[in-house]
Amino acid sequence: MRRLLIVVVLLLGVAVAADRVAAVAAERVVAERIQADESLDVRPGVSIRGVPFLTQLARGRYDDVTVTVHDLRRGELDIDQVRAHMTGVHVPFSDVVRQRVDRVRIDAASAEIRLTYAAVNHLLEARGFTLGPGGDGEVHVTASAAAGGAQLSAGADVPLSVQDDVVSIDTRLGTVLQIPLPRMPFGIELKSARATPDGLTVVCTAQGLVITR
């Protein structure tokens, strides 16, 4: 009985190791395909969850995939992080084995874009506005201007809105600020935005994506 138990434990250990090796191989090919398709300077982080992994590998479909892109630059704006959760990621078994994938089909994705206040304020500084955390998901906007040798400022907590690829902020001071987010990875579309203590978070979604060579 003891020998049987040892054999079972060893077999389970081998299965777990094989499972993890296969997961790493799949994560690598997906990351390489995304990096090439999106012209990213740095390979994104890819995490494929689900146990056992080998059953997902055999059917060529993964339903819990997280992709993280750091330090992405779009236009004049530095984006701190894009974190996407994808379901229905189709990568054929043969592509994982040969470590080369020409096409990745993704059924659905949701993502969050994180913008630091430092990056956004650098973009807006020429216009005399700065942003900071407000209350209840709103952003605090401060407008500064020189008048009669004195520096005047006014501020208010205001909501964020999105339209197409732009985050808009109605300052309630006669100016609407716009933060463009063009050519975002994975074909995601902006849906909403909110302010946090650390910066702005933009929520995005996408359906029926295809990443190709």
N, C-alpha and C. Protein backbone atom coordinates (compact mmCIF):
# COMPACT_ATOMS: atom_id res chain seq x y z
N MET A 1 0.83 -1.20 0.00
CA MET A 1 0.00 0.00 0.00
C MET A 1 0.87 1.26 0.00
N ARG A 2 1.95 1.21 0.82
CA ARG A 2 2.83 2.38 0.89
C ARG A 2 3.49 2.64 -0.45
N ARG A 3 3.95 1.56 -1.11
CA ARG A 3 4.58 1.74 -2.42
C ARG A 3 3.58 2.29 -3.44
N LEU A 4 2.35 1.82 -3.37
CA LEU A 4 1.32 2.31 -4.28
C LEU A 4 1.08 3.80 -4.06
N LEU A 5 1.05 4.20 -2.80
CA LEU A 5 0.84 5.61 -2.47
C LEU A 5 1.98 6.46 -3.01
N ILE A 6 3.22 5.97 -2.88
CA ILE A 6 4.38 6.70 -3.39
C ILE A 6 4.29 6.85 -4.90
N VAL A 7 3.89 5.77 -5.59
CA VAL A 7 3.77 5.81 -7.04
C VAL A 7 2.70 6.82 -7.46
N VAL A 8 1.58 6.83 -6.76
CA VAL A 8 0.50 7.76 -7.08
C VAL A 8 0.98 9.20 -6.90
N VAL A 9 1.68 9.47 -5.79
CA VAL A 9 2.19 10.82 -5.53
C VAL A 9 3.17 11.24 -6.62
N LEU A 10 4.05 10.32 -7.03
CA LEU A 10 5.02 10.63 -8.08
C LEU A 10 4.32 10.91 -9.40
N LEU A 11 3.33 10.12 -9.73
CA LEU A 11 2.59 10.33 -10.97
C LEU A 11 1.86 11.67 -10.96
N LEU A 12 1.28 12.00 -9.82
CA LEU A 12 0.61 13.30 -9.71
C LEU A 12 1.61 14.44 -9.86
N GLY A 13 2.81 14.27 -9.28
CA GLY A 13 3.84 15.29 -9.42
C GLY A 13 4.26 15.48 -10.87
N VAL A 14 4.41 14.38 -11.59
CA VAL A 14 4.77 14.46 -13.01
C VAL A 14 3.65 15.13 -13.80
N ALA A 15 2.40 14.80 -13.48
CA ALA A 15 1.27 15.40 -14.19
C ALA A 15 1.20 16.90 -13.96
N VAL A 16 1.42 17.32 -12.70
CA VAL A 16 1.40 18.74 -12.38
C VAL A 16 2.53 19.47 -13.09
N ALA A 17 3.72 18.86 -13.11
CA ALA A 17 4.86 19.48 -13.79
C ALA A 17 4.58 19.62 -15.29
N ALA A 18 4.04 18.56 -15.90
CA ALA A 18 3.73 18.62 -17.33
C ALA A 18 2.66 19.66 -17.60
N ASP A 19 1.70 19.76 -16.69
CA ASP A 19 0.64 20.75 -16.83
C ASP A 19 1.22 22.16 -16.85
N ARG A 20 2.16 22.42 -15.93
CA ARG A 20 2.75 23.76 -15.82
C ARG A 20 3.63 24.08 -17.01
N VAL A 21 4.41 23.09 -17.48
CA VAL A 21 5.27 23.29 -18.65
C VAL A 21 4.42 23.64 -19.87
N ALA A 22 3.32 22.94 -20.04
CA ALA A 22 2.43 23.22 -21.17
C ALA A 22 1.83 24.60 -21.06
N ALA A 23 1.46 25.02 -19.85
CA ALA A 23 0.88 26.35 -19.64
C ALA A 23 1.89 27.44 -20.00
N VAL A 24 3.12 27.27 -19.57
CA VAL A 24 4.17 28.26 -19.88
C VAL A 24 4.38 28.36 -21.39
N ALA A 25 4.37 27.21 -22.07
CA ALA A 25 4.54 27.21 -23.53
C ALA A 25 3.42 27.97 -24.21
N ALA A 26 2.18 27.74 -23.76
CA ALA A 26 1.04 28.44 -24.36
C ALA A 26 1.09 29.93 -24.07
N GLU A 27 1.44 30.29 -22.84
CA GLU A 27 1.54 31.71 -22.47
C GLU A 27 2.58 32.42 -23.33
N ARG A 28 3.66 31.73 -23.62
CA ARG A 28 4.74 32.34 -24.40
C ARG A 28 4.29 32.64 -25.83
N VAL A 29 3.64 31.68 -26.49
CA VAL A 29 3.27 31.90 -27.89
C VAL A 29 2.19 32.98 -28.00
N VAL A 30 1.27 33.03 -27.03
CA VAL A 30 0.24 34.07 -27.05
C VAL A 30 0.88 35.44 -26.84
N ALA A 31 1.81 35.54 -25.89
CA ALA A 31 2.49 36.81 -25.63
C ALA A 31 3.26 37.29 -26.85
N GLU A 32 3.96 36.38 -27.53
CA GLU A 32 4.73 36.75 -28.71
C GLU A 32 3.82 37.23 -29.84
N ARG A 33 2.67 36.56 -30.02
CA ARG A 33 1.76 36.96 -31.08
C ARG A 33 1.18 38.35 -30.80
N ILE A 34 0.80 38.60 -29.54
CA ILE A 34 0.25 39.91 -29.17
C ILE A 34 1.31 41.00 -29.34
N GLN A 35 2.53 40.73 -28.91
CA GLN A 35 3.60 41.72 -29.03
C GLN A 35 3.82 42.11 -30.49
N ALA A 36 3.85 41.12 -31.38
CA ALA A 36 4.07 41.41 -32.79
C ALA A 36 2.88 42.13 -33.41
N ASP A 37 1.68 41.69 -33.10
CA ASP A 37 0.48 42.26 -33.71
C ASP A 37 0.27 43.71 -33.26
N GLU A 38 0.56 44.00 -31.99
CA GLU A 38 0.32 45.33 -31.45
C GLU A 38 1.55 46.23 -31.50
N SER A 39 2.66 45.71 -32.05
CA SER A 39 3.92 46.48 -32.17
C SER A 39 4.35 47.04 -30.81
N LEU A 40 4.36 46.17 -29.80
CA LEU A 40 4.73 46.56 -28.45
C LEU A 40 6.25 46.45 -28.28
N ASP A 41 6.83 47.42 -27.58
CA ASP A 41 8.27 47.38 -27.32
C ASP A 41 8.65 46.27 -26.35
N VAL A 42 7.75 45.99 -25.41
CA VAL A 42 8.01 44.99 -24.39
C VAL A 42 6.96 43.88 -24.49
N ARG A 43 7.41 42.64 -24.37
CA ARG A 43 6.47 41.53 -24.44
C ARG A 43 5.50 41.61 -23.26
N PRO A 44 4.19 41.48 -23.52
CA PRO A 44 3.22 41.56 -22.43
C PRO A 44 3.28 40.33 -21.54
N GLY A 45 2.80 40.50 -20.31
CA GLY A 45 2.67 39.35 -19.44
C GLY A 45 1.38 38.62 -19.74
N VAL A 46 1.44 37.30 -19.84
CA VAL A 46 0.26 36.49 -20.13
C VAL A 46 0.14 35.41 -19.07
N SER A 47 -1.04 35.29 -18.47
CA SER A 47 -1.31 34.26 -17.48
C SER A 47 -2.56 33.49 -17.88
N ILE A 48 -2.40 32.17 -18.06
CA ILE A 48 -3.53 31.32 -18.40
C ILE A 48 -3.86 30.47 -17.18
N ARG A 49 -5.07 30.64 -16.66
CA ARG A 49 -5.49 29.90 -15.48
C ARG A 49 -6.38 28.73 -15.88
N GLY A 50 -6.63 27.88 -14.90
CA GLY A 50 -7.49 26.73 -15.13
C GLY A 50 -6.72 25.43 -14.94
N VAL A 51 -7.24 24.53 -14.13
CA VAL A 51 -6.60 23.25 -13.84
C VAL A 51 -7.62 22.14 -14.08
N PRO A 52 -7.25 21.06 -14.78
CA PRO A 52 -5.94 20.88 -15.40
C PRO A 52 -5.80 21.68 -16.68
N PHE A 53 -4.59 22.13 -16.95
CA PHE A 53 -4.35 22.93 -18.13
C PHE A 53 -4.35 22.06 -19.39
N LEU A 54 -3.88 20.83 -19.27
CA LEU A 54 -3.71 19.98 -20.46
C LEU A 54 -5.02 19.75 -21.21
N THR A 55 -6.14 19.74 -20.50
CA THR A 55 -7.42 19.59 -21.19
C THR A 55 -7.73 20.82 -22.04
N GLN A 56 -7.36 22.00 -21.56
CA GLN A 56 -7.53 23.22 -22.35
C GLN A 56 -6.61 23.19 -23.57
N LEU A 57 -5.38 22.73 -23.34
CA LEU A 57 -4.42 22.64 -24.43
C LEU A 57 -4.92 21.72 -25.53
N ALA A 58 -5.49 20.58 -25.13
CA ALA A 58 -5.95 19.60 -26.11
C ALA A 58 -7.07 20.15 -26.98
N ARG A 59 -7.97 20.92 -26.39
CA ARG A 59 -9.08 21.45 -27.18
C ARG A 59 -8.76 22.78 -27.85
N GLY A 60 -7.62 23.37 -27.49
CA GLY A 60 -7.18 24.62 -28.13
C GLY A 60 -8.00 25.82 -27.75
N ARG A 61 -8.59 25.81 -26.56
CA ARG A 61 -9.41 26.94 -26.11
C ARG A 61 -9.13 27.19 -24.63
N TYR A 62 -8.96 28.49 -24.29
CA TYR A 62 -8.63 28.89 -22.92
C TYR A 62 -9.64 29.95 -22.48
N ASP A 63 -10.20 29.75 -21.29
CA ASP A 63 -11.32 30.60 -20.87
C ASP A 63 -10.98 31.55 -19.72
N ASP A 64 -9.73 31.61 -19.31
CA ASP A 64 -9.36 32.52 -18.22
C ASP A 64 -7.93 33.01 -18.47
N VAL A 65 -7.82 34.00 -19.34
CA VAL A 65 -6.50 34.50 -19.75
C VAL A 65 -6.40 35.97 -19.37
N THR A 66 -5.32 36.31 -18.69
CA THR A 66 -5.05 37.70 -18.33
C THR A 66 -3.80 38.18 -19.05
N VAL A 67 -3.91 39.33 -19.71
CA VAL A 67 -2.78 39.93 -20.42
C VAL A 67 -2.51 41.29 -19.82
N THR A 68 -1.25 41.55 -19.47
CA THR A 68 -0.87 42.82 -18.85
C THR A 68 0.23 43.49 -19.68
N VAL A 69 -0.03 44.73 -20.06
CA VAL A 69 0.94 45.53 -20.81
C VAL A 69 1.34 46.73 -19.95
N HIS A 70 2.63 46.92 -19.75
CA HIS A 70 3.13 48.04 -18.95
C HIS A 70 3.78 49.09 -19.86
N ASP A 71 3.76 50.33 -19.37
CA ASP A 71 4.51 51.43 -20.00
C ASP A 71 4.22 51.53 -21.50
N LEU A 72 2.98 51.71 -21.82
CA LEU A 72 2.55 51.83 -23.21
C LEU A 72 2.41 53.31 -23.56
N ARG A 73 2.98 53.73 -24.66
CA ARG A 73 2.88 55.13 -25.07
C ARG A 73 1.94 55.25 -26.26
N ARG A 74 0.98 56.16 -26.14
CA ARG A 74 0.05 56.45 -27.21
C ARG A 74 0.02 57.96 -27.40
N GLY A 75 0.54 58.42 -28.53
CA GLY A 75 0.65 59.86 -28.77
C GLY A 75 1.58 60.49 -27.75
N GLU A 76 1.11 61.52 -27.05
CA GLU A 76 1.93 62.19 -26.05
C GLU A 76 1.68 61.66 -24.64
N LEU A 77 0.86 60.63 -24.52
CA LEU A 77 0.46 60.13 -23.21
C LEU A 77 1.15 58.81 -22.90
N ASP A 78 1.73 58.73 -21.70
CA ASP A 78 2.31 57.48 -21.21
C ASP A 78 1.24 56.75 -20.39
N ILE A 79 0.92 55.54 -20.81
CA ILE A 79 -0.09 54.74 -20.12
C ILE A 79 0.63 53.78 -19.18
N ASP A 80 0.28 53.84 -17.91
CA ASP A 80 0.97 53.05 -16.90
C ASP A 80 0.74 51.56 -17.12
N GLN A 81 -0.50 51.16 -17.36
CA GLN A 81 -0.79 49.74 -17.50
C GLN A 81 -2.11 49.51 -18.23
N VAL A 82 -2.13 48.47 -19.06
CA VAL A 82 -3.37 47.94 -19.62
C VAL A 82 -3.47 46.49 -19.16
N ARG A 83 -4.55 46.19 -18.47
CA ARG A 83 -4.74 44.82 -17.97
C ARG A 83 -6.06 44.29 -18.53
N ALA A 84 -5.95 43.23 -19.32
CA ALA A 84 -7.13 42.68 -20.01
C ALA A 84 -7.40 41.26 -19.55
N HIS A 85 -8.67 40.96 -19.34
CA HIS A 85 -9.09 39.59 -19.06
C HIS A 85 -9.86 39.07 -20.27
N MET A 86 -9.42 37.93 -20.79
CA MET A 86 -9.99 37.39 -22.02
C MET A 86 -10.60 36.03 -21.79
N THR A 87 -11.71 35.79 -22.47
CA THR A 87 -12.36 34.47 -22.43
C THR A 87 -12.52 33.96 -23.86
N GLY A 88 -12.48 32.65 -23.98
CA GLY A 88 -12.60 32.07 -25.31
C GLY A 88 -11.41 32.41 -26.19
N VAL A 89 -10.19 32.17 -25.69
CA VAL A 89 -8.97 32.41 -26.46
C VAL A 89 -8.61 31.12 -27.18
N HIS A 90 -8.62 31.16 -28.52
CA HIS A 90 -8.43 29.96 -29.33
C HIS A 90 -7.00 29.92 -29.89
N VAL A 91 -6.24 28.93 -29.43
CA VAL A 91 -4.88 28.69 -29.94
C VAL A 91 -4.75 27.19 -30.18
N PRO A 92 -4.60 26.76 -31.43
CA PRO A 92 -4.52 25.33 -31.72
C PRO A 92 -3.38 24.63 -30.98
N PHE A 93 -3.62 23.39 -30.63
CA PHE A 93 -2.62 22.57 -29.94
C PHE A 93 -1.31 22.53 -30.73
N SER A 94 -1.41 22.39 -32.06
CA SER A 94 -0.21 22.29 -32.89
C SER A 94 0.64 23.56 -32.83
N ASP A 95 0.01 24.72 -32.68
CA ASP A 95 0.75 25.98 -32.59
C ASP A 95 1.56 26.06 -31.30
N VAL A 96 0.99 25.54 -30.21
CA VAL A 96 1.72 25.53 -28.94
C VAL A 96 2.91 24.59 -29.02
N VAL A 97 2.71 23.43 -29.63
CA VAL A 97 3.79 22.44 -29.74
C VAL A 97 4.95 22.99 -30.55
N ARG A 98 4.67 23.64 -31.67
CA ARG A 98 5.76 24.16 -32.52
C ARG A 98 6.22 25.55 -32.08
N GLN A 99 5.58 26.09 -31.03
CA GLN A 99 5.95 27.40 -30.48
C GLN A 99 5.90 28.50 -31.54
N ARG A 100 4.86 28.46 -32.35
CA ARG A 100 4.64 29.50 -33.34
C ARG A 100 3.15 29.58 -33.63
N VAL A 101 2.60 30.76 -33.48
CA VAL A 101 1.17 30.93 -33.70
C VAL A 101 0.95 32.05 -34.71
N ASP A 102 0.13 31.77 -35.71
CA ASP A 102 -0.16 32.76 -36.75
C ASP A 102 -1.45 33.53 -36.50
N ARG A 103 -2.32 32.95 -35.67
CA ARG A 103 -3.64 33.55 -35.50
C ARG A 103 -4.20 33.19 -34.13
N VAL A 104 -4.67 34.18 -33.40
CA VAL A 104 -5.33 33.96 -32.12
C VAL A 104 -6.72 34.58 -32.21
N ARG A 105 -7.73 33.78 -31.98
CA ARG A 105 -9.11 34.27 -31.98
C ARG A 105 -9.58 34.39 -30.54
N ILE A 106 -10.20 35.52 -30.21
CA ILE A 106 -10.64 35.80 -28.84
C ILE A 106 -12.12 36.14 -28.86
N ASP A 107 -12.92 35.40 -28.11
CA ASP A 107 -14.36 35.62 -28.12
C ASP A 107 -14.74 36.95 -27.45
N ALA A 108 -14.16 37.24 -26.29
CA ALA A 108 -14.52 38.46 -25.56
C ALA A 108 -13.38 38.88 -24.65
N ALA A 109 -13.32 40.18 -24.40
CA ALA A 109 -12.29 40.71 -23.50
C ALA A 109 -12.84 41.92 -22.75
N SER A 110 -12.41 42.06 -21.53
CA SER A 110 -12.66 43.28 -20.76
C SER A 110 -11.30 43.77 -20.26
N ALA A 111 -11.16 45.07 -20.12
CA ALA A 111 -9.84 45.60 -19.76
C ALA A 111 -9.97 46.86 -18.92
N GLU A 112 -8.91 47.15 -18.20
CA GLU A 112 -8.79 48.41 -17.48
C GLU A 112 -7.48 49.08 -17.87
N ILE A 113 -7.57 50.35 -18.22
CA ILE A 113 -6.40 51.16 -18.54
C ILE A 113 -6.11 52.05 -17.34
N ARG A 114 -4.88 52.05 -16.88
CA ARG A 114 -4.51 52.85 -15.71
C ARG A 114 -3.61 54.00 -16.14
N LEU A 115 -4.06 55.22 -15.83
CA LEU A 115 -3.30 56.43 -16.13
C LEU A 115 -2.90 57.09 -14.82
N THR A 116 -1.64 57.41 -14.64
CA THR A 116 -1.23 58.10 -13.43
C THR A 116 -1.55 59.58 -13.55
N TYR A 117 -1.74 60.24 -12.40
CA TYR A 117 -1.98 61.68 -12.42
C TYR A 117 -0.77 62.42 -12.98
N ALA A 118 0.43 61.91 -12.72
CA ALA A 118 1.63 62.56 -13.23
C ALA A 118 1.63 62.60 -14.75
N ALA A 119 1.26 61.47 -15.39
CA ALA A 119 1.26 61.41 -16.85
C ALA A 119 0.18 62.31 -17.44
N VAL A 120 -1.02 62.28 -16.83
CA VAL A 120 -2.13 63.10 -17.35
C VAL A 120 -1.85 64.59 -17.14
N ASN A 121 -1.31 64.95 -15.97
CA ASN A 121 -1.03 66.36 -15.70
C ASN A 121 0.08 66.90 -16.60
N HIS A 122 1.02 66.04 -16.96
CA HIS A 122 2.06 66.45 -17.91
C HIS A 122 1.43 66.81 -19.25
N LEU A 123 0.39 66.08 -19.63
CA LEU A 123 -0.30 66.35 -20.89
C LEU A 123 -1.11 67.64 -20.83
N LEU A 124 -1.62 67.98 -19.63
CA LEU A 124 -2.52 69.12 -19.49
C LEU A 124 -1.86 70.40 -18.97
N GLU A 125 -0.59 70.30 -18.57
CA GLU A 125 0.03 71.42 -17.86
C GLU A 125 0.06 72.70 -18.69
N ALA A 126 0.21 72.60 -20.00
CA ALA A 126 0.26 73.79 -20.84
C ALA A 126 -1.06 74.56 -20.82
N ARG A 127 -2.15 73.89 -20.46
CA ARG A 127 -3.46 74.53 -20.44
C ARG A 127 -3.81 75.08 -19.05
N GLY A 128 -2.92 74.88 -18.08
CA GLY A 128 -3.15 75.44 -16.76
C GLY A 128 -4.07 74.61 -15.88
N PHE A 129 -4.24 73.32 -16.18
CA PHE A 129 -5.10 72.46 -15.38
C PHE A 129 -4.29 71.32 -14.77
N THR A 130 -4.68 70.91 -13.57
CA THR A 130 -4.12 69.71 -12.95
C THR A 130 -5.26 68.87 -12.39
N LEU A 131 -5.04 67.57 -12.39
CA LEU A 131 -6.05 66.63 -11.90
C LEU A 131 -5.55 65.93 -10.64
N GLY A 132 -6.49 65.55 -9.79
CA GLY A 132 -6.19 64.80 -8.59
C GLY A 132 -7.41 64.02 -8.18
N PRO A 133 -7.29 63.19 -7.16
CA PRO A 133 -8.44 62.38 -6.74
C PRO A 133 -9.55 63.23 -6.15
N GLY A 134 -10.78 62.92 -6.53
CA GLY A 134 -11.95 63.57 -5.95
C GLY A 134 -12.72 62.56 -5.12
N GLY A 135 -14.00 62.76 -4.95
CA GLY A 135 -14.82 61.83 -4.20
C GLY A 135 -15.75 61.04 -5.08
N ASP A 136 -16.08 59.80 -4.66
CA ASP A 136 -17.07 58.96 -5.35
C ASP A 136 -16.73 58.75 -6.82
N GLY A 137 -15.46 58.51 -7.13
CA GLY A 137 -15.05 58.22 -8.50
C GLY A 137 -14.90 59.44 -9.38
N GLU A 138 -15.13 60.63 -8.83
CA GLU A 138 -14.93 61.85 -9.61
C GLU A 138 -13.48 62.32 -9.49
N VAL A 139 -13.09 63.18 -10.42
CA VAL A 139 -11.73 63.71 -10.42
C VAL A 139 -11.78 65.16 -9.97
N HIS A 140 -10.78 65.57 -9.18
CA HIS A 140 -10.71 66.97 -8.76
C HIS A 140 -9.87 67.74 -9.78
N VAL A 141 -10.48 68.74 -10.40
CA VAL A 141 -9.82 69.57 -11.40
C VAL A 141 -9.48 70.91 -10.79
N THR A 142 -8.22 71.32 -10.94
CA THR A 142 -7.78 72.64 -10.47
C THR A 142 -7.29 73.44 -11.65
N ALA A 143 -7.82 74.65 -11.81
CA ALA A 143 -7.39 75.57 -12.87
C ALA A 143 -6.59 76.69 -12.22
N SER A 144 -5.42 76.98 -12.79
CA SER A 144 -4.56 78.03 -12.24
C SER A 144 -4.24 79.05 -13.33
N ALA A 145 -4.18 80.33 -12.92
CA ALA A 145 -3.85 81.40 -13.86
C ALA A 145 -3.27 82.58 -13.10
N ALA A 146 -2.40 83.32 -13.77
CA ALA A 146 -1.81 84.52 -13.17
C ALA A 146 -2.68 85.72 -13.51
N ALA A 147 -2.95 86.58 -12.51
CA ALA A 147 -3.75 87.79 -12.72
C ALA A 147 -3.26 88.88 -11.78
N GLY A 148 -2.81 89.98 -12.37
CA GLY A 148 -2.36 91.11 -11.56
C GLY A 148 -1.21 90.78 -10.65
N GLY A 149 -0.32 89.93 -11.10
CA GLY A 149 0.83 89.55 -10.31
C GLY A 149 0.55 88.48 -9.27
N ALA A 150 -0.68 88.02 -9.20
CA ALA A 150 -1.05 86.97 -8.25
C ALA A 150 -1.42 85.69 -8.99
N GLN A 151 -1.24 84.56 -8.34
CA GLN A 151 -1.60 83.27 -8.92
C GLN A 151 -2.96 82.84 -8.36
N LEU A 152 -3.95 82.77 -9.22
CA LEU A 152 -5.29 82.42 -8.81
C LEU A 152 -5.59 80.97 -9.20
N SER A 153 -6.42 80.32 -8.39
CA SER A 153 -6.79 78.94 -8.72
C SER A 153 -8.23 78.67 -8.29
N ALA A 154 -8.86 77.76 -8.99
CA ALA A 154 -10.22 77.34 -8.65
C ALA A 154 -10.33 75.86 -8.99
N GLY A 155 -11.15 75.16 -8.25
CA GLY A 155 -11.25 73.72 -8.48
C GLY A 155 -12.61 73.16 -8.15
N ALA A 156 -12.86 71.94 -8.64
CA ALA A 156 -14.13 71.27 -8.39
C ALA A 156 -13.97 69.79 -8.66
N ASP A 157 -14.80 68.98 -8.00
CA ASP A 157 -14.89 67.55 -8.30
C ASP A 157 -15.89 67.37 -9.44
N VAL A 158 -15.47 66.68 -10.49
CA VAL A 158 -16.33 66.50 -11.66
C VAL A 158 -16.24 65.05 -12.14
N PRO A 159 -17.27 64.55 -12.82
CA PRO A 159 -17.24 63.18 -13.35
C PRO A 159 -16.42 63.09 -14.63
N LEU A 160 -16.06 61.87 -14.97
CA LEU A 160 -15.38 61.57 -16.22
C LEU A 160 -16.37 60.92 -17.18
N SER A 161 -16.17 61.13 -18.47
CA SER A 161 -16.98 60.47 -19.48
C SER A 161 -16.10 60.04 -20.63
N VAL A 162 -16.58 59.11 -21.43
CA VAL A 162 -15.81 58.65 -22.59
C VAL A 162 -16.67 58.74 -23.84
N GLN A 163 -16.02 59.02 -24.95
CA GLN A 163 -16.67 59.02 -26.26
C GLN A 163 -15.65 58.60 -27.30
N ASP A 164 -15.96 57.50 -27.99
CA ASP A 164 -15.02 56.92 -28.95
C ASP A 164 -13.70 56.61 -28.24
N ASP A 165 -12.60 57.25 -28.64
CA ASP A 165 -11.31 56.95 -28.03
C ASP A 165 -10.81 58.12 -27.18
N VAL A 166 -11.72 58.88 -26.58
CA VAL A 166 -11.36 60.06 -25.81
C VAL A 166 -12.02 60.01 -24.43
N VAL A 167 -11.23 60.33 -23.40
CA VAL A 167 -11.78 60.56 -22.06
C VAL A 167 -12.01 62.06 -21.92
N SER A 168 -13.23 62.46 -21.58
CA SER A 168 -13.59 63.88 -21.50
C SER A 168 -13.86 64.28 -20.05
N ILE A 169 -13.47 65.52 -19.73
CA ILE A 169 -13.67 66.06 -18.39
C ILE A 169 -14.24 67.46 -18.55
N ASP A 170 -15.50 67.62 -18.16
CA ASP A 170 -16.12 68.95 -18.15
C ASP A 170 -15.71 69.62 -16.84
N THR A 171 -14.84 70.60 -16.93
CA THR A 171 -14.27 71.22 -15.73
C THR A 171 -15.26 72.10 -14.98
N ARG A 172 -16.39 72.42 -15.61
CA ARG A 172 -17.38 73.35 -15.05
C ARG A 172 -16.78 74.76 -14.88
N LEU A 173 -15.67 74.95 -15.57
CA LEU A 173 -15.01 76.26 -15.56
C LEU A 173 -14.94 76.83 -16.97
N GLY A 174 -15.84 76.35 -17.83
CA GLY A 174 -15.90 76.83 -19.19
C GLY A 174 -15.00 76.09 -20.16
N THR A 175 -14.39 75.00 -19.71
CA THR A 175 -13.47 74.24 -20.57
C THR A 175 -13.75 72.76 -20.42
N VAL A 176 -13.73 72.04 -21.54
CA VAL A 176 -13.81 70.59 -21.54
C VAL A 176 -12.43 70.03 -21.90
N LEU A 177 -11.84 69.28 -20.99
CA LEU A 177 -10.53 68.68 -21.24
C LEU A 177 -10.72 67.32 -21.90
N GLN A 178 -9.83 67.00 -22.84
CA GLN A 178 -9.91 65.73 -23.53
C GLN A 178 -8.58 65.00 -23.46
N ILE A 179 -8.65 63.73 -23.11
CA ILE A 179 -7.46 62.87 -23.05
C ILE A 179 -7.63 61.78 -24.10
N PRO A 180 -6.94 61.87 -25.23
CA PRO A 180 -7.11 60.87 -26.30
C PRO A 180 -6.38 59.57 -25.98
N LEU A 181 -7.04 58.45 -26.28
CA LEU A 181 -6.45 57.12 -26.11
C LEU A 181 -6.60 56.34 -27.41
N PRO A 182 -5.91 56.76 -28.47
CA PRO A 182 -6.06 56.10 -29.78
C PRO A 182 -5.28 54.79 -29.86
N ARG A 183 -5.72 53.94 -30.76
CA ARG A 183 -5.00 52.69 -31.09
C ARG A 183 -4.68 51.86 -29.85
N MET A 184 -5.69 51.59 -29.05
CA MET A 184 -5.46 50.78 -27.88
C MET A 184 -5.29 49.32 -28.26
N PRO A 185 -4.52 48.56 -27.47
CA PRO A 185 -4.30 47.14 -27.80
C PRO A 185 -5.59 46.35 -27.78
N PHE A 186 -5.58 45.25 -28.52
CA PHE A 186 -6.63 44.24 -28.54
C PHE A 186 -7.95 44.74 -29.12
N GLY A 187 -7.97 45.93 -29.74
CA GLY A 187 -9.20 46.44 -30.31
C GLY A 187 -10.25 46.81 -29.28
N ILE A 188 -9.85 47.07 -28.06
CA ILE A 188 -10.81 47.37 -27.00
C ILE A 188 -11.44 48.74 -27.20
N GLU A 189 -12.68 48.87 -26.76
CA GLU A 189 -13.43 50.12 -26.87
C GLU A 189 -13.65 50.69 -25.47
N LEU A 190 -13.47 52.01 -25.35
CA LEU A 190 -13.66 52.67 -24.07
C LEU A 190 -15.14 52.68 -23.70
N LYS A 191 -15.44 52.34 -22.44
CA LYS A 191 -16.83 52.29 -21.98
C LYS A 191 -17.11 53.28 -20.85
N SER A 192 -16.20 53.43 -19.91
CA SER A 192 -16.41 54.32 -18.78
C SER A 192 -15.07 54.66 -18.15
N ALA A 193 -15.08 55.65 -17.27
CA ALA A 193 -13.85 56.06 -16.60
C ALA A 193 -14.18 56.54 -15.20
N ARG A 194 -13.23 56.37 -14.31
CA ARG A 194 -13.40 56.85 -12.94
C ARG A 194 -12.04 57.26 -12.39
N ALA A 195 -12.07 58.11 -11.37
CA ALA A 195 -10.84 58.54 -10.70
C ALA A 195 -10.61 57.67 -9.46
N THR A 196 -9.36 57.35 -9.19
CA THR A 196 -8.96 56.61 -8.01
C THR A 196 -7.90 57.43 -7.28
N PRO A 197 -7.50 57.02 -6.08
CA PRO A 197 -6.44 57.77 -5.39
C PRO A 197 -5.12 57.82 -6.16
N ASP A 198 -4.89 56.85 -7.06
CA ASP A 198 -3.61 56.77 -7.77
C ASP A 198 -3.65 57.31 -9.19
N GLY A 199 -4.84 57.52 -9.75
CA GLY A 199 -4.91 57.99 -11.13
C GLY A 199 -6.29 57.75 -11.72
N LEU A 200 -6.35 57.70 -13.03
CA LEU A 200 -7.60 57.46 -13.73
C LEU A 200 -7.64 56.02 -14.23
N THR A 201 -8.80 55.39 -14.08
CA THR A 201 -9.00 54.04 -14.58
C THR A 201 -10.09 54.07 -15.63
N VAL A 202 -9.76 53.58 -16.81
CA VAL A 202 -10.70 53.54 -17.93
C VAL A 202 -11.09 52.09 -18.18
N VAL A 203 -12.39 51.81 -18.19
CA VAL A 203 -12.90 50.47 -18.40
C VAL A 203 -13.23 50.27 -19.87
N CYS A 204 -12.84 49.13 -20.42
CA CYS A 204 -13.00 48.86 -21.85
C CYS A 204 -13.54 47.45 -22.06
N THR A 205 -14.11 47.21 -23.24
CA THR A 205 -14.56 45.87 -23.61
C THR A 205 -14.29 45.64 -25.09
N ALA A 206 -14.34 44.39 -25.49
CA ALA A 206 -14.18 44.04 -26.91
C ALA A 206 -14.82 42.68 -27.15
N GLN A 207 -15.28 42.47 -28.37
CA GLN A 207 -15.91 41.20 -28.76
C GLN A 207 -15.33 40.75 -30.09
N GLY A 208 -15.15 39.44 -30.23
CA GLY A 208 -14.75 38.87 -31.50
C GLY A 208 -13.45 39.39 -32.06
N LEU A 209 -12.38 39.29 -31.27
CA LEU A 209 -11.07 39.78 -31.73
C LEU A 209 -10.32 38.69 -32.49
N VAL A 210 -9.51 39.13 -33.44
CA VAL A 210 -8.62 38.21 -34.15
C VAL A 210 -7.24 38.88 -34.23
N ILE A 211 -6.25 38.21 -33.65
CA ILE A 211 -4.87 38.71 -33.70
C ILE A 211 -4.10 37.82 -34.67
N THR A 212 -3.54 38.44 -35.72
CA THR A 212 -2.90 37.67 -36.78
C THR A 212 -1.48 38.17 -37.02
N ARG A 213 -0.75 37.42 -37.84
CA ARG A 213 0.60 37.80 -38.22
C ARG A 213 0.55 39.01 -39.13
